Amino acid sequence: MGPGHWTVLYETTDGARWRTEARRLMAEHEVRDPSMFRLDTLCGRTVLPTTYRLSVFAPDAPGR
């Protein structure tokens, strides 16, 4: 994986829905390498709810 950035595809506070959506997005997305996906769980502790996020790596354009 060269230079690039992570782009959020989906974010929710519902863990079950996040897992379902993550499976759907990964199945439909045309990225063959699973290392190009990132699944994050952002712990909200007692103040904020836990947030679940699915991101995909977007390589930088050549010459950037």
N, C-alpha and C. Protein backbone atom coordinates (compact mmCIF):
# COMPACT_ATOMS: atom_id res chain seq x y z
N MET A 1 0.85 -1.16 0.00
CA MET A 1 0.00 0.00 0.00
C MET A 1 0.90 1.23 0.00
N GLY A 2 0.77 2.06 -0.99
CA GLY A 2 1.56 3.28 -1.09
C GLY A 2 0.85 4.46 -0.44
N PRO A 3 1.22 5.67 -0.87
CA PRO A 3 0.58 6.86 -0.30
C PRO A 3 -0.90 6.94 -0.67
N GLY A 4 -1.68 7.47 0.25
CA GLY A 4 -3.12 7.61 0.02
C GLY A 4 -3.80 8.02 1.31
N HIS A 5 -5.11 7.80 1.36
CA HIS A 5 -5.89 8.18 2.54
C HIS A 5 -7.07 7.22 2.71
N TRP A 6 -7.63 7.21 3.92
CA TRP A 6 -8.79 6.38 4.21
C TRP A 6 -10.06 7.21 4.03
N THR A 7 -11.03 6.67 3.30
CA THR A 7 -12.31 7.32 3.07
C THR A 7 -13.40 6.53 3.78
N VAL A 8 -14.17 7.21 4.62
CA VAL A 8 -15.25 6.55 5.36
C VAL A 8 -16.40 6.24 4.40
N LEU A 9 -16.81 4.96 4.37
CA LEU A 9 -17.95 4.55 3.55
C LEU A 9 -19.24 4.49 4.35
N TYR A 10 -19.12 4.13 5.63
CA TYR A 10 -20.31 3.92 6.45
C TYR A 10 -19.97 4.13 7.92
N GLU A 11 -20.88 4.76 8.66
CA GLU A 11 -20.69 4.99 10.09
C GLU A 11 -22.04 4.92 10.80
N THR A 12 -22.07 4.26 11.97
CA THR A 12 -23.31 4.10 12.73
C THR A 12 -23.00 3.85 14.20
N THR A 13 -24.01 3.95 15.05
CA THR A 13 -23.86 3.59 16.46
C THR A 13 -24.50 2.23 16.74
N ASP A 14 -25.05 1.59 15.72
CA ASP A 14 -25.70 0.28 15.84
C ASP A 14 -24.74 -0.81 15.38
N GLY A 15 -24.17 -1.56 16.33
CA GLY A 15 -23.17 -2.57 16.01
C GLY A 15 -23.66 -3.66 15.07
N ALA A 16 -24.89 -4.16 15.26
CA ALA A 16 -25.43 -5.21 14.40
C ALA A 16 -25.62 -4.69 12.98
N ARG A 17 -26.15 -3.49 12.86
CA ARG A 17 -26.36 -2.91 11.53
C ARG A 17 -25.02 -2.65 10.84
N TRP A 18 -24.01 -2.23 11.61
CA TRP A 18 -22.68 -1.98 11.07
C TRP A 18 -22.09 -3.25 10.47
N ARG A 19 -22.20 -4.38 11.21
CA ARG A 19 -21.66 -5.65 10.70
C ARG A 19 -22.37 -6.06 9.42
N THR A 20 -23.70 -5.91 9.38
CA THR A 20 -24.46 -6.25 8.18
C THR A 20 -24.05 -5.37 7.01
N GLU A 21 -23.95 -4.08 7.26
CA GLU A 21 -23.58 -3.13 6.20
C GLU A 21 -22.14 -3.36 5.76
N ALA A 22 -21.25 -3.68 6.69
CA ALA A 22 -19.85 -3.95 6.34
C ALA A 22 -19.76 -5.14 5.39
N ARG A 23 -20.49 -6.22 5.70
CA ARG A 23 -20.48 -7.40 4.81
C ARG A 23 -21.02 -7.03 3.43
N ARG A 24 -22.12 -6.26 3.39
CA ARG A 24 -22.72 -5.88 2.11
C ARG A 24 -21.77 -5.01 1.29
N LEU A 25 -21.19 -3.99 1.92
CA LEU A 25 -20.29 -3.09 1.20
C LEU A 25 -19.05 -3.81 0.70
N MET A 26 -18.50 -4.72 1.51
CA MET A 26 -17.32 -5.46 1.08
C MET A 26 -17.65 -6.39 -0.08
N ALA A 27 -18.84 -7.00 -0.06
CA ALA A 27 -19.24 -7.90 -1.13
C ALA A 27 -19.46 -7.14 -2.44
N GLU A 28 -19.99 -5.93 -2.36
CA GLU A 28 -20.30 -5.15 -3.56
C GLU A 28 -19.14 -4.31 -4.06
N HIS A 29 -18.19 -4.00 -3.20
CA HIS A 29 -17.09 -3.11 -3.57
C HIS A 29 -16.10 -3.85 -4.46
N GLU A 30 -15.53 -3.17 -5.42
CA GLU A 30 -14.62 -3.81 -6.35
C GLU A 30 -13.17 -3.71 -5.90
N VAL A 31 -12.93 -3.92 -4.63
CA VAL A 31 -11.56 -3.96 -4.09
C VAL A 31 -11.27 -5.42 -3.77
N ARG A 32 -10.25 -5.97 -4.40
CA ARG A 32 -9.96 -7.39 -4.23
C ARG A 32 -9.12 -7.68 -2.99
N ASP A 33 -8.39 -6.70 -2.51
CA ASP A 33 -7.49 -6.89 -1.38
C ASP A 33 -8.18 -6.48 -0.08
N PRO A 34 -8.46 -7.42 0.84
CA PRO A 34 -9.15 -7.07 2.08
C PRO A 34 -8.38 -6.10 2.96
N SER A 35 -7.07 -5.97 2.76
CA SER A 35 -6.30 -5.02 3.56
C SER A 35 -6.62 -3.57 3.17
N MET A 36 -7.39 -3.39 2.10
CA MET A 36 -7.79 -2.05 1.67
C MET A 36 -9.03 -1.56 2.43
N PHE A 37 -9.62 -2.42 3.27
CA PHE A 37 -10.76 -2.05 4.11
C PHE A 37 -10.30 -1.90 5.55
N ARG A 38 -10.90 -0.98 6.26
CA ARG A 38 -10.60 -0.79 7.67
C ARG A 38 -11.91 -0.72 8.45
N LEU A 39 -12.01 -1.52 9.50
CA LEU A 39 -13.17 -1.53 10.38
C LEU A 39 -12.74 -0.95 11.72
N ASP A 40 -13.35 0.15 12.12
CA ASP A 40 -12.99 0.82 13.37
C ASP A 40 -14.17 0.80 14.34
N THR A 41 -13.85 0.61 15.62
CA THR A 41 -14.81 0.76 16.70
C THR A 41 -14.31 1.90 17.57
N LEU A 42 -15.03 3.00 17.59
CA LEU A 42 -14.63 4.17 18.36
C LEU A 42 -15.40 4.16 19.67
N CYS A 43 -14.70 3.86 20.75
CA CYS A 43 -15.33 3.71 22.06
C CYS A 43 -15.77 5.06 22.61
N GLY A 44 -17.06 5.19 22.89
CA GLY A 44 -17.59 6.45 23.38
C GLY A 44 -17.55 6.59 24.89
N ARG A 45 -17.17 5.54 25.59
CA ARG A 45 -17.14 5.53 27.07
C ARG A 45 -18.54 5.81 27.60
N THR A 46 -18.66 6.59 28.64
CA THR A 46 -19.98 6.82 29.24
C THR A 46 -20.67 8.07 28.70
N VAL A 47 -19.92 8.96 28.07
CA VAL A 47 -20.48 10.23 27.61
C VAL A 47 -21.12 10.11 26.24
N LEU A 48 -20.46 9.44 25.32
CA LEU A 48 -20.93 9.31 23.94
C LEU A 48 -21.16 7.84 23.61
N PRO A 49 -22.06 7.54 22.66
CA PRO A 49 -22.25 6.14 22.27
C PRO A 49 -21.05 5.64 21.45
N THR A 50 -20.82 4.33 21.49
CA THR A 50 -19.78 3.73 20.67
C THR A 50 -20.17 3.90 19.21
N THR A 51 -19.20 4.26 18.37
CA THR A 51 -19.44 4.46 16.94
C THR A 51 -18.65 3.43 16.16
N TYR A 52 -19.26 2.88 15.12
CA TYR A 52 -18.64 1.87 14.27
C TYR A 52 -18.46 2.47 12.88
N ARG A 53 -17.27 2.26 12.30
CA ARG A 53 -16.95 2.91 11.03
C ARG A 53 -16.28 1.91 10.07
N LEU A 54 -16.68 1.97 8.80
CA LEU A 54 -16.07 1.18 7.73
C LEU A 54 -15.44 2.15 6.74
N SER A 55 -14.14 1.96 6.49
CA SER A 55 -13.41 2.85 5.57
C SER A 55 -12.72 2.01 4.49
N VAL A 56 -12.43 2.64 3.37
CA VAL A 56 -11.67 2.01 2.30
C VAL A 56 -10.46 2.89 2.00
N PHE A 57 -9.33 2.26 1.66
CA PHE A 57 -8.12 3.01 1.34
C PHE A 57 -8.19 3.50 -0.10
N ALA A 58 -7.95 4.78 -0.29
CA ALA A 58 -7.96 5.39 -1.62
C ALA A 58 -6.54 5.84 -1.95
N PRO A 59 -5.85 5.14 -2.86
CA PRO A 59 -4.49 5.54 -3.22
C PRO A 59 -4.47 6.93 -3.84
N ASP A 60 -3.39 7.67 -3.59
CA ASP A 60 -3.22 8.97 -4.22
C ASP A 60 -3.04 8.80 -5.72
N ALA A 61 -3.49 9.78 -6.48
CA ALA A 61 -3.31 9.78 -7.93
C ALA A 61 -1.81 9.90 -8.24
N PRO A 62 -1.35 9.31 -9.33
CA PRO A 62 0.06 9.44 -9.71
C PRO A 62 0.46 10.91 -9.83
N GLY A 63 1.63 11.24 -9.33
CA GLY A 63 2.13 12.61 -9.42
C GLY A 63 1.63 13.51 -8.33
N ARG A 64 0.89 12.97 -7.40
CA ARG A 64 0.35 13.80 -6.31
C ARG A 64 1.29 13.84 -5.15
